[in-house]
Protein backbone atom coordinates (compact mmCIF):
# COMPACT_ATOMS: atom_id res chain seq x y z
CA MET A 1 172.78 90.37 158.02
CA ALA A 2 169.05 91.01 157.44
CA GLU A 3 167.21 93.10 159.97
CA PRO A 4 164.55 91.40 162.15
CA VAL A 5 161.08 91.41 160.62
CA PRO A 6 158.49 91.43 163.43
CA VAL A 7 154.79 91.01 162.85
CA ARG A 8 152.65 93.95 163.88
CA ARG A 9 150.56 93.74 167.03
CA LEU A 10 147.65 91.38 166.53
CA THR A 11 144.10 92.35 167.31
CA ASP A 12 142.01 90.08 169.52
CA GLN A 13 140.09 88.74 166.53
CA GLU A 14 143.26 88.09 164.53
CA GLY A 15 144.92 86.31 167.42
CA GLN A 16 141.86 84.13 168.09
CA LYS A 17 141.53 83.26 164.41
CA LEU A 18 145.19 82.28 164.05
CA GLN A 19 145.05 80.27 167.27
CA GLN A 20 141.94 78.47 166.09
CA ILE A 21 143.60 77.49 162.79
CA VAL A 22 146.76 76.24 164.51
CA ARG A 23 144.93 74.33 167.27
CA ARG A 24 142.23 72.70 165.19
CA GLY A 25 144.21 72.29 162.04
CA SER A 26 142.89 73.23 158.63
CA THR A 27 141.99 71.47 155.42
CA SER A 28 144.46 73.81 153.72
CA SER A 29 148.11 73.22 154.55
CA VAL A 30 148.88 76.70 153.22
CA HIS A 31 146.56 78.32 155.78
CA TYR A 32 147.99 76.19 158.55
CA ARG A 33 151.67 76.95 157.83
CA ARG A 34 151.09 80.66 157.33
CA ALA A 35 149.11 80.91 160.56
CA MET A 36 152.00 79.20 162.38
CA MET A 37 154.45 81.74 160.91
CA LEU A 38 152.38 84.67 162.14
CA LEU A 39 151.74 83.25 165.60
CA ALA A 40 155.40 82.38 166.04
CA SER A 41 156.44 85.87 164.98
CA ALA A 42 153.87 87.41 167.33
CA GLY A 43 155.41 85.31 170.10
CA GLY A 44 158.80 86.99 169.62
CA ASN A 45 160.50 84.33 167.48
CA ARG A 46 162.99 85.46 164.85
CA VAL A 47 162.71 84.58 161.18
CA PRO A 48 165.38 81.78 161.18
CA VAL A 49 163.62 80.02 164.04
CA ILE A 50 160.23 80.31 162.34
CA ALA A 51 161.66 79.02 159.05
CA GLN A 52 163.02 75.95 160.81
CA LEU A 53 159.74 75.45 162.64
CA VAL A 54 157.58 75.34 159.50
CA GLN A 55 160.28 73.97 157.18
CA ALA A 56 160.15 76.97 154.86
CA ASP A 57 162.62 79.38 153.33
CA GLU A 58 163.45 82.47 155.38
CA ASP A 59 162.49 84.76 152.50
CA THR A 60 159.08 83.10 152.39
CA VAL A 61 158.57 83.79 156.09
CA ARG A 62 159.54 87.44 155.60
CA ASP A 63 157.16 87.78 152.66
CA VAL A 64 154.26 86.36 154.69
CA ILE A 65 154.94 88.72 157.60
CA HIS A 66 155.18 91.73 155.28
CA ARG A 67 151.90 90.79 153.57
CA PHE A 68 150.16 90.40 156.93
CA ASN A 69 151.39 93.80 158.05
CA GLU A 70 149.91 95.24 154.83
CA ILE A 71 146.59 93.42 154.34
CA GLY A 72 145.94 91.39 157.49
CA LEU A 73 144.52 87.87 157.52
CA VAL A 74 143.82 88.00 153.80
CA CYS A 75 147.43 86.95 153.36
CA LEU A 76 146.43 83.44 154.47
CA GLU A 77 145.01 82.96 150.98
CA PRO A 78 147.85 83.87 148.62
CA GLN A 79 147.18 84.84 145.03
CA TRP A 80 150.17 83.25 143.41
CA ALA A 81 151.32 84.44 140.05
CA GLY A 82 154.43 84.21 137.99
CA GLY A 83 155.89 80.95 136.76
CA ARG A 84 156.22 80.14 133.10
CA PRO A 85 154.67 82.77 130.79
CA ARG A 86 151.28 81.83 129.35
CA LEU A 87 151.59 80.24 125.93
CA LEU A 88 148.02 80.91 124.83
CA SER A 89 146.64 84.34 124.05
CA PRO A 90 143.01 85.21 124.83
CA ASP A 91 142.17 84.63 121.15
CA ASP A 92 143.74 81.17 121.32
CA GLU A 93 141.73 80.36 124.43
CA ASP A 94 138.52 81.46 122.69
CA PHE A 95 139.42 79.22 119.77
CA VAL A 96 139.99 76.24 122.08
CA VAL A 97 136.64 76.81 123.81
CA ALA A 98 134.84 77.15 120.47
CA THR A 99 136.42 73.93 119.24
CA ALA A 100 135.55 72.03 122.42
CA THR A 101 131.89 73.06 122.16
CA THR A 102 131.62 72.13 118.45
CA ARG A 103 130.61 68.65 117.36
CA PRO A 104 133.68 66.76 116.08
CA THR A 105 131.76 65.60 113.01
CA LYS A 106 131.38 69.23 111.90
CA LEU A 107 135.17 69.55 111.98
CA GLY A 108 135.77 66.37 109.99
CA ARG A 109 136.55 64.11 112.93
CA PRO A 110 134.95 60.60 112.92
CA PHE A 111 133.49 60.66 116.48
CA THR A 112 130.48 62.16 118.21
CA ARG A 113 132.20 63.81 121.19
CA TRP A 114 135.61 65.04 122.25
CA SER A 115 137.80 63.46 124.86
CA ILE A 116 140.66 65.49 126.32
CA ARG A 117 143.22 63.42 124.44
CA LYS A 118 141.39 63.67 121.10
CA LEU A 119 140.85 67.42 121.51
CA VAL A 120 144.55 68.00 122.26
CA ALA A 121 145.53 65.98 119.18
CA HIS A 122 143.06 67.86 116.99
CA LEU A 123 144.25 71.30 118.14
CA ARG A 124 147.79 70.38 117.14
CA ARG A 125 146.65 69.44 113.63
CA VAL A 126 144.52 72.46 112.76
CA HIS A 127 146.18 74.00 109.71
CA SER A 128 144.86 77.52 110.22
CA ARG A 129 146.01 77.75 113.86
CA VAL A 130 148.23 75.17 115.55
CA ILE A 131 147.77 75.20 119.32
CA ARG A 132 150.04 73.16 121.54
CA ILE A 133 148.58 72.52 124.96
CA GLY A 134 148.83 69.68 127.44
CA ARG A 135 145.91 67.60 128.63
CA GLU A 136 145.92 68.95 132.17
CA ALA A 137 146.30 72.55 130.98
CA LEU A 138 143.38 72.01 128.60
CA ARG A 139 141.25 70.56 131.39
CA CYS A 140 142.02 73.55 133.62
CA LEU A 141 141.30 75.98 130.78
CA LEU A 142 137.88 74.46 130.09
CA ALA A 143 137.00 74.45 133.79
CA ARG A 144 138.05 78.08 134.11
CA ARG A 145 135.85 79.04 131.17
CA GLY A 146 132.82 77.17 132.55
CA ILE A 147 132.93 74.25 130.07
CA THR A 148 132.14 70.96 131.82
CA PHE A 149 131.59 67.38 130.66
CA GLN A 150 127.83 66.82 130.78
CA ARG A 151 125.27 64.29 129.71
CA THR A 152 123.35 65.03 126.55
CA LYS A 153 119.71 65.91 127.11
CA THR A 154 116.76 65.55 124.79
CA TRP A 155 114.11 68.13 124.01
CA LYS A 156 111.05 68.40 121.87
CA GLU A 157 110.01 71.24 119.64
CA SER A 158 106.33 71.50 118.91
CA PRO A 159 105.62 70.62 115.25
CA ASP A 160 102.12 72.06 115.60
CA PRO A 161 101.55 74.54 112.73
CA GLU A 162 99.10 76.44 114.96
CA ARG A 163 101.43 76.61 117.95
CA ASP A 164 101.53 80.42 118.22
CA THR A 165 97.81 80.72 117.58
CA LYS A 166 96.97 78.27 120.36
CA LEU A 167 99.34 79.91 122.83
CA ASP A 168 97.88 83.32 121.98
CA ARG A 169 94.42 81.88 122.53
CA ILE A 170 95.34 80.52 125.96
CA GLU A 171 97.02 83.75 127.03
CA HIS A 172 94.05 85.75 125.74
CA VAL A 173 91.44 83.91 127.81
CA LEU A 174 93.72 83.91 130.88
CA GLU A 175 94.01 87.68 130.66
CA ARG A 176 90.45 88.55 129.62
CA PHE A 177 88.32 85.92 131.41
CA PRO A 178 90.37 84.52 134.33
CA ASP A 179 87.27 83.83 136.45
CA ARG A 180 85.78 81.67 133.70
CA VAL A 181 88.88 79.69 132.72
CA PHE A 182 89.50 76.13 133.87
CA ALA A 183 92.29 73.66 133.18
CA PHE A 184 91.84 69.93 132.79
CA ASP A 185 94.33 67.09 132.47
CA GLU A 186 95.05 63.55 133.64
CA PHE A 187 98.12 62.20 135.35
CA GLY A 188 99.09 58.61 135.87
CA PRO A 189 99.16 55.69 135.71
CA LEU A 190 98.90 55.41 139.49
CA GLY A 191 99.91 51.95 140.60
CA ILE A 192 99.78 50.36 144.04
CA ARG A 193 103.45 50.08 144.86
CA PRO A 194 105.98 51.68 147.21
CA THR A 195 107.09 54.95 145.67
CA GLY A 196 110.41 56.57 146.38
CA GLY A 197 110.49 60.10 147.64
CA SER A 198 112.19 62.24 150.25
CA GLY A 199 111.58 63.25 153.84
CA TRP A 200 113.24 64.18 157.11
CA ALA A 201 115.00 61.36 158.97
CA PRO A 202 118.04 60.86 161.23
CA ALA A 203 121.33 61.01 159.34
CA GLY A 204 122.21 57.65 157.85
CA HIS A 205 118.82 56.11 158.68
CA PRO A 206 116.44 56.84 155.78
CA GLU A 207 112.87 55.64 155.85
CA ARG A 208 112.56 52.20 154.26
CA HIS A 209 109.77 50.87 152.06
CA PRO A 210 109.26 47.20 151.15
CA ALA A 211 109.96 46.00 147.63
CA THR A 212 107.09 44.52 145.61
CA TYR A 213 107.16 42.06 142.74
CA HIS A 214 103.52 41.34 141.96
CA ARG A 215 101.24 44.17 140.87
CA THR A 216 97.69 42.86 141.07
CA HIS A 217 95.74 46.06 141.72
CA GLY A 218 95.85 47.55 138.23
CA VAL A 219 96.27 51.27 137.65
CA ARG A 220 94.20 54.42 137.95
CA TYR A 221 94.33 57.86 136.33
CA PHE A 222 93.66 61.07 138.20
CA HIS A 223 91.41 63.38 136.20
CA GLY A 224 92.15 66.83 137.58
CA ARG A 225 90.29 70.11 137.21
CA TYR A 226 91.69 73.48 138.17
CA SER A 227 89.82 76.77 138.46
CA ILE A 228 92.08 79.68 137.57
CA GLY A 229 89.97 82.37 139.21
CA ASP A 230 89.32 80.49 142.46
CA ASP A 231 92.70 78.74 142.64
CA THR A 232 90.85 75.51 143.40
CA LEU A 233 91.96 72.02 142.40
CA TRP A 234 89.74 68.93 142.43
CA GLY A 235 89.47 65.64 140.59
CA VAL A 236 88.49 61.97 140.47
CA ASN A 237 90.36 58.70 139.93
CA HIS A 238 89.24 56.51 137.02
CA ARG A 239 90.39 53.14 135.72
CA LYS A 240 91.26 54.53 132.30
CA LYS A 241 91.20 57.58 130.12
CA GLY A 242 88.34 58.02 127.72
CA ALA A 243 85.84 60.40 126.19
CA ALA A 244 83.19 59.48 128.77
CA ASN A 245 85.47 60.39 131.69
CA ALA A 246 86.58 63.57 129.94
CA LEU A 247 82.93 64.51 129.39
CA ALA A 248 82.16 63.88 133.08
CA ALA A 249 85.06 66.15 134.03
CA LEU A 250 83.80 68.90 131.74
CA ARG A 251 80.31 68.55 133.23
CA SER A 252 81.73 69.05 136.71
CA ILE A 253 83.52 72.14 135.43
CA ARG A 254 80.27 73.39 133.93
CA ALA A 255 78.58 72.82 137.28
CA ALA A 256 81.12 75.14 138.88
CA ARG A 257 79.74 77.97 136.72
CA PRO A 258 76.02 77.11 136.36
CA ASP A 259 75.02 80.55 135.06
CA GLY A 260 75.08 79.42 131.44
CA ALA A 261 77.67 81.99 130.37
CA PRO A 262 80.66 80.76 128.32
CA ILE A 263 83.48 79.01 130.10
CA TYR A 264 86.92 78.20 128.71
CA VAL A 265 88.75 74.93 129.34
CA ILE A 266 92.48 74.53 128.67
CA LEU A 267 93.51 70.94 127.89
CA ASP A 268 95.84 68.98 125.67
CA ASN A 269 95.24 67.28 122.31
CA LEU A 270 94.45 63.80 123.61
CA SER A 271 91.87 62.15 121.36
CA ALA A 272 89.66 61.39 124.38
CA HIS A 273 89.22 65.15 124.81
CA LYS A 274 87.62 65.52 121.37
CA GLY A 275 84.56 63.30 121.63
CA GLU A 276 81.53 64.16 119.55
CA THR A 277 79.37 64.73 122.66
CA ILE A 278 81.68 67.43 124.05
CA ARG A 279 80.20 70.91 123.58
CA VAL A 280 82.43 73.27 125.53
CA GLU A 281 84.68 76.17 124.54
CA LEU A 282 88.00 74.29 124.37
CA CYS A 283 91.47 75.83 124.27
CA PHE A 284 93.92 73.12 123.19
CA THR A 285 97.60 73.33 124.02
CA PRO A 286 100.02 72.90 121.12
CA THR A 287 101.56 69.50 120.45
CA TYR A 288 104.42 68.73 122.89
CA ALA A 289 103.55 71.89 124.84
CA SER A 290 101.55 70.59 127.78
CA TRP A 291 103.54 73.03 129.94
CA ALA A 292 101.10 75.68 128.70
CA ASN A 293 98.33 74.04 130.72
CA PRO A 294 98.12 75.84 134.12
CA ILE A 295 97.16 72.62 135.92
CA GLU A 296 100.58 71.05 135.28
CA ALA A 297 102.22 73.16 137.97
CA HIS A 298 99.77 71.77 140.56
CA PHE A 299 100.26 68.11 139.65
CA GLY A 300 103.85 68.17 140.94
CA PRO A 301 103.00 68.93 144.59
CA LEU A 302 100.00 66.60 144.37
CA ARG A 303 102.25 63.72 143.38
CA GLN A 304 105.07 64.61 145.78
CA PHE A 305 102.87 64.93 148.88
CA THR A 306 100.44 62.06 148.29
CA VAL A 307 102.06 59.42 146.06
CA ALA A 308 105.79 59.77 146.59
CA ASN A 309 107.43 58.51 149.78
CA PHE A 310 104.48 56.28 150.69
CA ASN A 311 103.20 52.74 150.23
CA HIS A 312 99.46 52.79 149.63
CA ARG A 313 97.84 49.40 150.16
CA SER A 314 94.93 49.84 147.75
CA HIS A 315 93.40 52.26 145.30
CA PRO A 316 90.69 53.39 147.76
CA THR A 317 93.31 54.40 150.34
CA GLN A 318 95.30 56.14 147.62
CA THR A 319 92.19 57.99 146.46
CA ARG A 320 91.35 59.06 150.00
CA ALA A 321 94.88 60.39 150.41
CA LEU A 322 94.55 62.38 147.18
CA HIS A 323 91.23 63.88 148.21
CA ALA A 324 92.45 64.69 151.71
CA TYR A 325 95.35 66.62 150.21
CA LEU A 326 93.02 68.41 147.79
CA ARG A 327 90.78 69.50 150.67
CA TRP A 328 93.79 70.82 152.58
CA ARG A 329 95.19 72.54 149.51
CA ASN A 330 91.95 74.30 148.61
CA LYS A 331 91.41 75.38 152.19
CA ASN A 332 94.87 76.97 152.18
CA ALA A 333 94.65 78.44 148.69
CA ARG A 334 95.63 82.00 147.97
CA HIS A 335 93.10 84.69 148.69
CA PRO A 336 91.05 85.83 145.66
CA ASP A 337 92.01 89.45 146.29
CA VAL A 338 95.67 88.50 145.93
CA LEU A 339 94.94 86.76 142.64
CA ALA A 340 93.03 89.76 141.35
CA ALA A 341 95.89 92.07 142.27
CA GLN A 342 98.34 89.80 140.49
CA ARG A 343 96.21 89.73 137.34
CA LYS A 344 95.84 93.52 137.40
CA GLU A 345 99.60 93.93 137.75
CA ARG A 346 100.27 91.58 134.81
CA ALA A 347 97.76 93.51 132.67
CA ARG A 348 99.41 96.81 133.59
CA ILE A 349 102.86 95.51 132.63
CA ARG A 350 101.57 94.21 129.31
CA SER A 351 99.87 97.50 128.50
CA GLU A 352 103.04 99.45 129.31
CA LYS A 353 105.05 97.19 127.02
CA GLY A 354 102.48 97.48 124.27
CA ILE A 355 101.68 93.76 124.29
CA HIS A 356 98.25 92.87 122.96
CA TRP A 357 96.71 89.64 121.85
CA GLY A 358 94.49 91.02 119.09
CA GLY A 359 91.48 89.36 117.52
CA ARG A 360 88.39 87.92 119.15
CA PRO A 361 88.47 84.56 120.90
CA ARG A 362 87.85 81.97 118.26
CA SER A 363 85.43 79.13 119.10
CA THR A 364 87.08 75.71 118.88
CA ALA A 365 84.13 73.65 120.05
CA SER A 366 84.02 70.20 118.57
C-alpha cells in the first residue's frame, strides 16, 4: 500500500490563490482541477479521496502534489512532454518552413499559393526528401516557427535614376541649413462628407455620423508648408492644384525668410511644382519616395484631428477647423533649443560613424 502523500504547508498567498481559482473557476480546466487537488490535500484528504473528487488517476494526484512541493504554484501550468517520438528532425522542419515560404510556381506547382492540403501533398512527393506529416501537425509546426497565413501587400520601388542623389541632397540641406529648409506638399481631396475615425465613447455605443449620398460641395486641397527650423506648420485650402497655387505657397515660404539669403524647399515631382515662374532652390524627392518629405509626418495628425471623426457642413467650416488646429499645434510646438540639441546630436553621431554627404549643394532651380 502506498504511503500517504501530503501537500506541504501552504503560504497565505498560495492558499488565497488556490481558493480564488476554485471559487471563481478558471478558463483553464487544468488549472482548476490541479488547484482542487492541492486544496483538498491541504485540507487533510487522502489521495484516493482526491482522485475520486476530481475524477483523476491516483498517480496523477501524487505527481501534482510532488511537483507543488518542489516548485510551488508553477505546477498549475504543466509542461507536458513525452508521447510519440518526433518524426521530423530540425533539418526537416527547416525544409518544411523553406518550402512553405517559397512560391509554388518556383517549385513547379501550378498555383500561386500553398494551402495546408497542397503543401502536405507536395512534401510527400519531393524526390530529394520525402516528408510525411499530417495537416494539423504541419499547421502547428508553421505556427511554432512564426509562419502565418497573411494577405499579400504591394510596394513600390523608386525607378528614379537619381534617387540616391536626391536623397543625399535632402539630407545634406537638413543637416547643413536646417533653419533655412522648408517642406511643401498638398493633401486631399477634402470632400464635405462624414469621415470615419475613432474616439472615446461608452462601450457598445460608438459615436454615429449620418450617411450622405449627394456630394454637391466639390473638393479642396490643403497646400501645406512646414518650417524645419521653427517646427511650424501652416497652409491654405485651394480648389485645385496648380502652378499658380504652388507659386503662392513658395512666396509665403520666401516671406518667412525675407532676408534674401537662399532657402531650400523640399517637395515632390508634381508637374505643378515645376512652373516656369518658380525661382527657388528646390529639392525634389525621388519618384515614389514622398516619405522623404518631412511634412508628410505632420499631415497624419492634421487629418486625424480635424477631418476624421467629424462631419463638416461646408468648406469654410472645414477650413476654420484646419486653421484652428494649426494655431494650436504651432503654439504647442517643440522648443527651438530642443530642436537645436537634437540636430547637434545627430551631427555628432554622423561624424563618429564617418558619415558625410560630400559635394556642394547643387542648384536645381527651374
